[in-house]
Amino acid sequence: METIDKEGLVHHDGLIVCEHASDITLPEKVGGLVQTRNEKYGIIGITLYKVDTVNEGEV
């Protein structure tokens, strides 16, 4: 996800959907991406990230 963020591969209103084991907790923020939702479905976890528009453009 760090590479996706650094390369600017996500449109400002796009989402990244991460599927992972439900016992894994992903970080709230990765670079300029911020977690918007985290759900558990049995042994599967789904975490959504979007571009953090609040901090977008900061130096």
PDB file of N, CA and C in Angstrom:
ATOM      1  N   MET A   1       0.808  -1.176   0.000  1.00  0.00           N
ATOM      2  CA  MET A   1       0.000   0.000   0.000  1.00  0.00           C
ATOM      3  C   MET A   1       0.862   1.254   0.000  1.00  0.00           C
ATOM      4  N   GLU A   2       2.029   1.176   0.593  1.00  0.00           N
ATOM      5  CA  GLU A   2       2.919   2.339   0.586  1.00  0.00           C
ATOM      6  C   GLU A   2       3.297   2.709  -0.844  1.00  0.00           C
ATOM      7  N   THR A   3       3.578   1.709  -1.667  1.00  0.00           N
ATOM      8  CA  THR A   3       3.932   1.957  -3.063  1.00  0.00           C
ATOM      9  C   THR A   3       2.750   2.541  -3.821  1.00  0.00           C
ATOM     10  N   ILE A   4       1.560   2.012  -3.589  1.00  0.00           N
ATOM     11  CA  ILE A   4       0.351   2.538  -4.232  1.00  0.00           C
ATOM     12  C   ILE A   4       0.194   4.015  -3.893  1.00  0.00           C
ATOM     13  N   ASP A   5       0.399   4.355  -2.637  1.00  0.00           N
ATOM     14  CA  ASP A   5       0.285   5.748  -2.205  1.00  0.00           C
ATOM     15  C   ASP A   5       1.375   6.609  -2.833  1.00  0.00           C
ATOM     16  N   LYS A   6       2.629   6.165  -2.754  1.00  0.00           N
ATOM     17  CA  LYS A   6       3.757   6.950  -3.274  1.00  0.00           C
ATOM     18  C   LYS A   6       3.629   7.217  -4.767  1.00  0.00           C
ATOM     19  N   GLU A   7       3.123   6.230  -5.506  1.00  0.00           N
ATOM     20  CA  GLU A   7       2.994   6.361  -6.956  1.00  0.00           C
ATOM     21  C   GLU A   7       1.713   7.088  -7.367  1.00  0.00           C
ATOM     22  N   GLY A   8       0.861   7.413  -6.408  1.00  0.00           N
ATOM     23  CA  GLY A   8      -0.377   8.135  -6.710  1.00  0.00           C
ATOM     24  C   GLY A   8      -1.346   7.329  -7.553  1.00  0.00           C
ATOM     25  N   LEU A   9      -1.434   6.027  -7.284  1.00  0.00           N
ATOM     26  CA  LEU A   9      -2.244   5.134  -8.104  1.00  0.00           C
ATOM     27  C   LEU A   9      -3.727   5.109  -7.739  1.00  0.00           C
ATOM     28  N   VAL A  10      -4.114   5.806  -6.680  1.00  0.00           N
ATOM     29  CA  VAL A  10      -5.516   5.834  -6.269  1.00  0.00           C
ATOM     30  C   VAL A  10      -6.085   7.217  -6.559  1.00  0.00           C
ATOM     31  N   HIS A  11      -7.179   7.257  -7.302  1.00  0.00           N
ATOM     32  CA  HIS A  11      -7.876   8.513  -7.585  1.00  0.00           C
ATOM     33  C   HIS A  11      -8.351   9.122  -6.277  1.00  0.00           C
ATOM     34  N   HIS A  12      -8.499  10.432  -6.200  1.00  0.00           N
ATOM     35  CA  HIS A  12      -8.854  11.098  -4.938  1.00  0.00           C
ATOM     36  C   HIS A  12     -10.166  10.605  -4.337  1.00  0.00           C
ATOM     37  N   ASP A  13     -11.055  10.025  -5.142  1.00  0.00           N
ATOM     38  CA  ASP A  13     -12.293   9.472  -4.579  1.00  0.00           C
ATOM     39  C   ASP A  13     -12.344   7.948  -4.695  1.00  0.00           C
ATOM     40  N   GLY A  14     -11.186   7.327  -4.942  1.00  0.00           N
ATOM     41  CA  GLY A  14     -11.106   5.875  -5.060  1.00  0.00           C
ATOM     42  C   GLY A  14     -10.973   5.188  -3.708  1.00  0.00           C
ATOM     43  N   LEU A  15     -11.121   3.862  -3.719  1.00  0.00           N
ATOM     44  CA  LEU A  15     -10.986   3.041  -2.513  1.00  0.00           C
ATOM     45  C   LEU A  15     -10.010   1.912  -2.754  1.00  0.00           C
ATOM     46  N   ILE A  16      -9.334   1.501  -1.702  1.00  0.00           N
ATOM     47  CA  ILE A  16      -8.529   0.278  -1.713  1.00  0.00           C
ATOM     48  C   ILE A  16      -9.235  -0.695  -0.786  1.00  0.00           C
ATOM     49  N   VAL A  17      -9.477  -1.903  -1.282  1.00  0.00           N
ATOM     50  CA  VAL A  17     -10.121  -2.947  -0.487  1.00  0.00           C
ATOM     51  C   VAL A  17      -9.070  -3.996  -0.167  1.00  0.00           C
ATOM     52  N   CYS A  18      -8.822  -4.225   1.124  1.00  0.00           N
ATOM     53  CA  CYS A  18      -7.836  -5.206   1.574  1.00  0.00           C
ATOM     54  C   CYS A  18      -8.555  -6.373   2.231  1.00  0.00           C
ATOM     55  N   GLU A  19      -8.310  -7.568   1.714  1.00  0.00           N
ATOM     56  CA  GLU A  19      -8.835  -8.785   2.338  1.00  0.00           C
ATOM     57  C   GLU A  19      -7.702  -9.416   3.135  1.00  0.00           C
ATOM     58  N   HIS A  20      -7.990  -9.803   4.378  1.00  0.00           N
ATOM     59  CA  HIS A  20      -6.955 -10.341   5.250  1.00  0.00           C
ATOM     60  C   HIS A  20      -7.586 -11.249   6.293  1.00  0.00           C
ATOM     61  N   ALA A  21      -6.761 -11.948   7.046  1.00  0.00           N
ATOM     62  CA  ALA A  21      -7.260 -12.771   8.153  1.00  0.00           C
ATOM     63  C   ALA A  21      -7.904 -11.855   9.190  1.00  0.00           C
ATOM     64  N   SER A  22      -9.016 -12.288   9.767  1.00  0.00           N
ATOM     65  CA  SER A  22      -9.760 -11.429  10.697  1.00  0.00           C
ATOM     66  C   SER A  22      -9.002 -11.139  11.989  1.00  0.00           C
ATOM     67  N   ASP A  23      -7.988 -11.941  12.305  1.00  0.00           N
ATOM     68  CA  ASP A  23      -7.219 -11.693  13.528  1.00  0.00           C
ATOM     69  C   ASP A  23      -6.061 -10.709  13.313  1.00  0.00           C
ATOM     70  N   ILE A  24      -5.948 -10.162  12.110  1.00  0.00           N
ATOM     71  CA  ILE A  24      -4.915  -9.176  11.797  1.00  0.00           C
ATOM     72  C   ILE A  24      -5.541  -7.786  11.821  1.00  0.00           C
ATOM     73  N   THR A  25      -4.883  -6.856  12.491  1.00  0.00           N
ATOM     74  CA  THR A  25      -5.346  -5.470  12.527  1.00  0.00           C
ATOM     75  C   THR A  25      -4.423  -4.635  11.651  1.00  0.00           C
ATOM     76  N   LEU A  26      -4.978  -4.034  10.619  1.00  0.00           N
ATOM     77  CA  LEU A  26      -4.195  -3.189   9.725  1.00  0.00           C
ATOM     78  C   LEU A  26      -4.114  -1.776  10.305  1.00  0.00           C
ATOM     79  N   PRO A  27      -3.070  -1.017   9.925  1.00  0.00           N
ATOM     80  CA  PRO A  27      -2.896   0.330  10.492  1.00  0.00           C
ATOM     81  C   PRO A  27      -4.014   1.284  10.077  1.00  0.00           C
ATOM     82  N   GLU A  28      -4.288   2.274  10.933  1.00  0.00           N
ATOM     83  CA  GLU A  28      -5.308   3.295  10.649  1.00  0.00           C
ATOM     84  C   GLU A  28      -4.910   4.149   9.445  1.00  0.00           C
ATOM     85  N   LYS A  29      -3.594   4.351   9.281  1.00  0.00           N
ATOM     86  CA  LYS A  29      -3.107   5.206   8.209  1.00  0.00           C
ATOM     87  C   LYS A  29      -1.839   4.615   7.611  1.00  0.00           C
ATOM     88  N   VAL A  30      -1.739   4.668   6.276  1.00  0.00           N
ATOM     89  CA  VAL A  30      -0.537   4.241   5.565  1.00  0.00           C
ATOM     90  C   VAL A  30      -0.203   5.359   4.583  1.00  0.00           C
ATOM     91  N   GLY A  31       0.842   6.115   4.874  1.00  0.00           N
ATOM     92  CA  GLY A  31       1.179   7.258   4.021  1.00  0.00           C
ATOM     93  C   GLY A  31       0.013   8.221   3.964  1.00  0.00           C
ATOM     94  N   GLY A  32      -0.469   8.494   2.752  1.00  0.00           N
ATOM     95  CA  GLY A  32      -1.603   9.392   2.561  1.00  0.00           C
ATOM     96  C   GLY A  32      -2.932   8.679   2.473  1.00  0.00           C
ATOM     97  N   LEU A  33      -2.960   7.403   2.886  1.00  0.00           N
ATOM     98  CA  LEU A  33      -4.204   6.626   2.860  1.00  0.00           C
ATOM     99  C   LEU A  33      -4.713   6.447   4.278  1.00  0.00           C
ATOM    100  N   VAL A  34      -6.017   6.578   4.460  1.00  0.00           N
ATOM    101  CA  VAL A  34      -6.612   6.467   5.781  1.00  0.00           C
ATOM    102  C   VAL A  34      -7.708   5.395   5.757  1.00  0.00           C
ATOM    103  N   GLN A  35      -7.746   4.616   6.831  1.00  0.00           N
ATOM    104  CA  GLN A  35      -8.735   3.547   6.954  1.00  0.00           C
ATOM    105  C   GLN A  35     -10.123   4.151   7.159  1.00  0.00           C
ATOM    106  N   THR A  36     -11.109   3.658   6.394  1.00  0.00           N
ATOM    107  CA  THR A  36     -12.471   4.172   6.515  1.00  0.00           C
ATOM    108  C   THR A  36     -13.444   3.143   7.070  1.00  0.00           C
ATOM    109  N   ARG A  37     -13.095   1.871   6.953  1.00  0.00           N
ATOM    110  CA  ARG A  37     -14.007   0.824   7.431  1.00  0.00           C
ATOM    111  C   ARG A  37     -13.223  -0.458   7.654  1.00  0.00           C
ATOM    112  N   ASN A  38     -13.656  -1.222   8.660  1.00  0.00           N
ATOM    113  CA  ASN A  38     -13.029  -2.503   8.973  1.00  0.00           C
ATOM    114  C   ASN A  38     -14.130  -3.452   9.420  1.00  0.00           C
ATOM    115  N   GLU A  39     -14.310  -4.553   8.694  1.00  0.00           N
ATOM    116  CA  GLU A  39     -15.361  -5.526   9.009  1.00  0.00           C
ATOM    117  C   GLU A  39     -14.756  -6.918   9.118  1.00  0.00           C
ATOM    118  N   LYS A  40     -15.379  -7.751   9.936  1.00  0.00           N
ATOM    119  CA  LYS A  40     -14.954  -9.145  10.081  1.00  0.00           C
ATOM    120  C   LYS A  40     -16.103 -10.059   9.682  1.00  0.00           C
ATOM    121  N   TYR A  41     -15.782 -11.061   8.876  1.00  0.00           N
ATOM    122  CA  TYR A  41     -16.740 -12.056   8.412  1.00  0.00           C
ATOM    123  C   TYR A  41     -16.132 -13.431   8.674  1.00  0.00           C
ATOM    124  N   GLY A  42     -16.325 -13.943   9.870  1.00  0.00           N
ATOM    125  CA  GLY A  42     -15.713 -15.220  10.236  1.00  0.00           C
ATOM    126  C   GLY A  42     -14.204 -15.082  10.303  1.00  0.00           C
ATOM    127  N   ILE A  43     -13.505 -15.874   9.487  1.00  0.00           N
ATOM    128  CA  ILE A  43     -12.041 -15.842   9.496  1.00  0.00           C
ATOM    129  C   ILE A  43     -11.463 -14.782   8.552  1.00  0.00           C
ATOM    130  N   ILE A  44     -12.328 -14.089   7.821  1.00  0.00           N
ATOM    131  CA  ILE A  44     -11.892 -13.083   6.849  1.00  0.00           C
ATOM    132  C   ILE A  44     -12.164 -11.678   7.383  1.00  0.00           C
ATOM    133  N   GLY A  45     -11.212 -10.791   7.173  1.00  0.00           N
ATOM    134  CA  GLY A  45     -11.384  -9.379   7.499  1.00  0.00           C
ATOM    135  C   GLY A  45     -11.308  -8.561   6.225  1.00  0.00           C
ATOM    136  N   ILE A  46     -12.084  -7.501   6.158  1.00  0.00           N
ATOM    137  CA  ILE A  46     -12.063  -6.577   5.027  1.00  0.00           C
ATOM    138  C   ILE A  46     -11.807  -5.179   5.589  1.00  0.00           C
ATOM    139  N   THR A  47     -10.812  -4.507   5.044  1.00  0.00           N
ATOM    140  CA  THR A  47     -10.493  -3.147   5.469  1.00  0.00           C
ATOM    141  C   THR A  47     -10.471  -2.250   4.243  1.00  0.00           C
ATOM    142  N   LEU A  48     -11.135  -1.100   4.343  1.00  0.00           N
ATOM    143  CA  LEU A  48     -11.188  -0.136   3.250  1.00  0.00           C
ATOM    144  C   LEU A  48     -10.330   1.080   3.583  1.00  0.00           C
ATOM    145  N   TYR A  49      -9.615   1.556   2.581  1.00  0.00           N
ATOM    146  CA  TYR A  49      -8.804   2.764   2.707  1.00  0.00           C
ATOM    147  C   TYR A  49      -9.184   3.736   1.600  1.00  0.00           C
ATOM    148  N   LYS A  50      -9.046   5.031   1.890  1.00  0.00           N
ATOM    149  CA  LYS A  50      -9.225   6.068   0.880  1.00  0.00           C
ATOM    150  C   LYS A  50      -8.105   7.086   1.033  1.00  0.00           C
ATOM    151  N   VAL A  51      -7.967   7.952   0.038  1.00  0.00           N
ATOM    152  CA  VAL A  51      -6.976   9.020   0.110  1.00  0.00           C
ATOM    153  C   VAL A  51      -7.407   9.988   1.201  1.00  0.00           C
ATOM    154  N   ASP A  52      -6.464  10.347   2.061  1.00  0.00           N
ATOM    155  CA  ASP A  52      -6.733  11.269   3.164  1.00  0.00           C
ATOM    156  C   ASP A  52      -6.760  12.688   2.613  1.00  0.00           C
ATOM    157  N   THR A  53      -7.947  13.174   2.271  1.00  0.00           N
ATOM    158  CA  THR A  53      -8.073  14.499   1.660  1.00  0.00           C
ATOM    159  C   THR A  53      -7.842  15.620   2.659  1.00  0.00           C
ATOM    160  N   VAL A  54      -7.938  15.346   3.957  1.00  0.00           N
ATOM    161  CA  VAL A  54      -7.681  16.369   4.978  1.00  0.00           C
ATOM    162  C   VAL A  54      -6.226  16.806   4.923  1.00  0.00           C
ATOM    163  N   ASN A  55      -5.310  15.831   4.758  1.00  0.00           N
ATOM    164  CA  ASN A  55      -3.875  16.138   4.747  1.00  0.00           C
ATOM    165  C   ASN A  55      -3.291  16.180   3.346  1.00  0.00           C
ATOM    166  N   GLU A  56      -4.124  16.007   2.325  1.00  0.00           N
ATOM    167  CA  GLU A  56      -3.646  15.993   0.950  1.00  0.00           C
ATOM    168  C   GLU A  56      -3.027  17.345   0.606  1.00  0.00           C
ATOM    169  N   GLY A  57      -1.851  17.314   0.031  1.00  0.00           N
ATOM    170  CA  GLY A  57      -1.192  18.543  -0.373  1.00  0.00           C
ATOM    171  C   GLY A  57      -0.291  19.154   0.680  1.00  0.00           C
ATOM    172  N   GLU A  58      -0.251  18.588   1.884  1.00  0.00           N
ATOM    173  CA  GLU A  58       0.657  19.112   2.909  1.00  0.00           C
ATOM    174  C   GLU A  58       2.086  18.756   2.566  1.00  0.00           C
ATOM    175  N   VAL A  59       3.014  19.584   2.966  1.00  0.00           N
ATOM    176  CA  VAL A  59       4.429  19.328   2.702  1.00  0.00           C
ATOM    177  C   VAL A  59       5.121  18.992   3.982  1.00  0.00           C
TER     178      VAL A  59
END
